[in-house]
């Protein structure tokens, strides 16, 4: 992937566009990745991949419902346990993210 600083991208926008037609281009700001520019074709392909993935995940969920492989939250206690699981996972994810170098 070709990389441009924001300043270089601004001064050489035509070159950035040409490069993006060949592959993704990363634009950095203050030395850190900021955005990625890609061609319209690549963007549409990525959107289609995301759409297909989400559609497959929804189908799996519906198949689980049809097969009875679901847990229902029928009581206040079920809801509390579910909330605790979400909080636990959120804390773990936040701790993992905080440990990653920036």
C-alpha atoms as a PDB file:
ATOM      1  CA  UNK A   1       0.000   0.000   0.000  1.00  0.00           C
ATOM      2  CA  UNK A   2       1.341   3.375  -0.942  1.00  0.00           C
ATOM      3  CA  UNK A   3       1.530   5.913   1.894  1.00  0.00           C
ATOM      4  CA  UNK A   4       1.297   9.708   1.709  1.00  0.00           C
ATOM      5  CA  UNK A   5       1.385  12.259   4.465  1.00  0.00           C
ATOM      6  CA  UNK A   6      -1.681  14.502   4.518  1.00  0.00           C
ATOM      7  CA  UNK A   7       0.448  17.401   3.343  1.00  0.00           C
ATOM      8  CA  UNK A   8       1.943  15.405   0.439  1.00  0.00           C
ATOM      9  CA  UNK A   9      -1.515  14.104  -0.501  1.00  0.00           C
ATOM     10  CA  UNK A  10      -2.839  17.659  -0.600  1.00  0.00           C
ATOM     11  CA  UNK A  11       0.024  18.859  -2.791  1.00  0.00           C
ATOM     12  CA  UNK A  12      -0.031  15.788  -5.066  1.00  0.00           C
ATOM     13  CA  UNK A  13      -3.720  14.950  -5.182  1.00  0.00           C
ATOM     14  CA  UNK A  14      -3.630  13.765  -8.809  1.00  0.00           C
ATOM     15  CA  UNK A  15      -0.851  11.324  -7.990  1.00  0.00           C
ATOM     16  CA  UNK A  16      -2.839  10.063  -4.984  1.00  0.00           C
ATOM     17  CA  UNK A  17      -5.886   9.482  -7.206  1.00  0.00           C
ATOM     18  CA  UNK A  18      -3.800   7.626  -9.793  1.00  0.00           C
ATOM     19  CA  UNK A  19      -2.248   5.478  -7.067  1.00  0.00           C
ATOM     20  CA  UNK A  20      -5.698   4.726  -5.587  1.00  0.00           C
ATOM     21  CA  UNK A  21      -6.801   3.353  -8.957  1.00  0.00           C
ATOM     22  CA  UNK A  22      -3.999   0.777  -8.669  1.00  0.00           C
ATOM     23  CA  UNK A  23      -4.563  -0.072  -4.996  1.00  0.00           C
ATOM     24  CA  UNK A  24      -5.445   1.354  -1.577  1.00  0.00           C
ATOM     25  CA  UNK A  25      -3.533   4.476  -0.506  1.00  0.00           C
ATOM     26  CA  UNK A  26      -2.949   5.305   3.146  1.00  0.00           C
ATOM     27  CA  UNK A  27      -2.922   8.941   4.230  1.00  0.00           C
ATOM     28  CA  UNK A  28      -1.127   9.718   7.471  1.00  0.00           C
ATOM     29  CA  UNK A  29      -1.583  12.699   9.745  1.00  0.00           C
ATOM     30  CA  UNK A  30       1.129  13.537  12.272  1.00  0.00           C
ATOM     31  CA  UNK A  31       2.834  10.261  11.320  1.00  0.00           C
ATOM     32  CA  UNK A  32      -0.188   8.082  12.163  1.00  0.00           C
ATOM     33  CA  UNK A  33      -2.573   6.371   9.736  1.00  0.00           C
ATOM     34  CA  UNK A  34      -5.653   8.511   9.242  1.00  0.00           C
ATOM     35  CA  UNK A  35      -7.624   7.418   6.177  1.00  0.00           C
ATOM     36  CA  UNK A  36      -7.422   5.039   3.244  1.00  0.00           C
ATOM     37  CA  UNK A  37      -8.381   6.065  -0.274  1.00  0.00           C
ATOM     38  CA  UNK A  38      -9.404   3.349  -2.698  1.00  0.00           C
ATOM     39  CA  UNK A  39     -10.954   3.069  -6.133  1.00  0.00           C
ATOM     40  CA  UNK A  40     -14.714   3.061  -6.630  1.00  0.00           C
ATOM     41  CA  UNK A  41     -14.507  -0.525  -7.902  1.00  0.00           C
ATOM     42  CA  UNK A  42     -12.567  -1.743  -4.858  1.00  0.00           C
ATOM     43  CA  UNK A  43     -14.940   0.117  -2.533  1.00  0.00           C
ATOM     44  CA  UNK A  44     -18.002  -1.504  -4.151  1.00  0.00           C
ATOM     45  CA  UNK A  45     -16.361  -4.945  -3.917  1.00  0.00           C
ATOM     46  CA  UNK A  46     -15.651  -4.372  -0.230  1.00  0.00           C
ATOM     47  CA  UNK A  47     -19.237  -3.234   0.366  1.00  0.00           C
ATOM     48  CA  UNK A  48     -20.495  -6.386  -1.389  1.00  0.00           C
ATOM     49  CA  UNK A  49     -18.256  -8.567   0.808  1.00  0.00           C
ATOM     50  CA  UNK A  50     -19.613  -6.880   3.932  1.00  0.00           C
ATOM     51  CA  UNK A  51     -23.179  -7.275   2.673  1.00  0.00           C
ATOM     52  CA  UNK A  52     -22.661 -10.970   1.873  1.00  0.00           C
ATOM     53  CA  UNK A  53     -21.047 -11.591   5.265  1.00  0.00           C
ATOM     54  CA  UNK A  54     -23.850  -9.866   7.181  1.00  0.00           C
ATOM     55  CA  UNK A  55     -26.489 -11.687   5.146  1.00  0.00           C
ATOM     56  CA  UNK A  56     -24.827 -15.035   5.973  1.00  0.00           C
ATOM     57  CA  UNK A  57     -24.661 -14.122   9.684  1.00  0.00           C
ATOM     58  CA  UNK A  58     -28.361 -13.221   9.729  1.00  0.00           C
ATOM     59  CA  UNK A  59     -29.140 -16.520   7.990  1.00  0.00           C
ATOM     60  CA  UNK A  60     -27.130 -18.412  10.634  1.00  0.00           C
ATOM     61  CA  UNK A  61     -29.083 -16.612  13.351  1.00  0.00           C
ATOM     62  CA  UNK A  62     -32.404 -17.456  11.724  1.00  0.00           C
ATOM     63  CA  UNK A  63     -31.282 -21.077  11.303  1.00  0.00           C
ATOM     64  CA  UNK A  64     -30.404 -21.160  15.020  1.00  0.00           C
ATOM     65  CA  UNK A  65     -33.859 -19.847  15.878  1.00  0.00           C
ATOM     66  CA  UNK A  66     -35.512 -22.441  13.622  1.00  0.00           C
ATOM     67  CA  UNK A  67     -33.416 -25.223  15.210  1.00  0.00           C
ATOM     68  CA  UNK A  68     -34.136 -24.026  18.758  1.00  0.00           C
ATOM     69  CA  UNK A  69     -30.502 -23.085  19.437  1.00  0.00           C
ATOM     70  CA  UNK A  70     -31.292 -19.799  21.160  1.00  0.00           C
ATOM     71  CA  UNK A  71     -31.449 -18.527  24.701  1.00  0.00           C
ATOM     72  CA  UNK A  72     -34.330 -16.360  25.678  1.00  0.00           C
ATOM     73  CA  UNK A  73     -34.316 -13.664  28.315  1.00  0.00           C
ATOM     74  CA  UNK A  74     -37.549 -14.548  30.049  1.00  0.00           C
ATOM     75  CA  UNK A  75     -36.850 -13.355  33.559  1.00  0.00           C
ATOM     76  CA  UNK A  76     -35.266 -10.348  35.199  1.00  0.00           C
ATOM     77  CA  UNK A  77     -32.459 -12.652  36.360  1.00  0.00           C
ATOM     78  CA  UNK A  78     -31.781 -13.777  32.752  1.00  0.00           C
ATOM     79  CA  UNK A  79     -31.551 -10.156  31.692  1.00  0.00           C
ATOM     80  CA  UNK A  80     -29.190  -9.307  34.564  1.00  0.00           C
ATOM     81  CA  UNK A  81     -26.889 -12.234  33.702  1.00  0.00           C
ATOM     82  CA  UNK A  82     -26.852 -11.161  30.072  1.00  0.00           C
ATOM     83  CA  UNK A  83     -26.006  -7.587  31.075  1.00  0.00           C
ATOM     84  CA  UNK A  84     -23.158  -8.850  33.259  1.00  0.00           C
ATOM     85  CA  UNK A  85     -21.754 -10.884  30.347  1.00  0.00           C
ATOM     86  CA  UNK A  86     -21.819  -7.807  28.118  1.00  0.00           C
ATOM     87  CA  UNK A  87     -20.073  -5.675  30.761  1.00  0.00           C
ATOM     88  CA  UNK A  88     -17.419  -8.359  31.285  1.00  0.00           C
ATOM     89  CA  UNK A  89     -16.717  -8.638  27.559  1.00  0.00           C
ATOM     90  CA  UNK A  90     -16.647  -4.858  27.177  1.00  0.00           C
ATOM     91  CA  UNK A  91     -14.135  -4.470  30.019  1.00  0.00           C
ATOM     92  CA  UNK A  92     -11.935  -7.231  28.568  1.00  0.00           C
ATOM     93  CA  UNK A  93     -12.005  -5.586  25.137  1.00  0.00           C
ATOM     94  CA  UNK A  94     -11.190  -2.168  26.621  1.00  0.00           C
ATOM     95  CA  UNK A  95      -8.261  -3.614  28.578  1.00  0.00           C
ATOM     96  CA  UNK A  96      -6.968  -5.369  25.459  1.00  0.00           C
ATOM     97  CA  UNK A  97      -7.253  -2.155  23.444  1.00  0.00           C
ATOM     98  CA  UNK A  98      -5.540  -0.101  26.156  1.00  0.00           C
ATOM     99  CA  UNK A  99      -2.551  -2.476  26.113  1.00  0.00           C
ATOM    100  CA  UNK A 100      -2.030  -2.147  22.334  1.00  0.00           C
ATOM    101  CA  UNK A 101       0.686   0.340  21.278  1.00  0.00           C
ATOM    102  CA  UNK A 102      -0.589   3.390  19.429  1.00  0.00           C
END
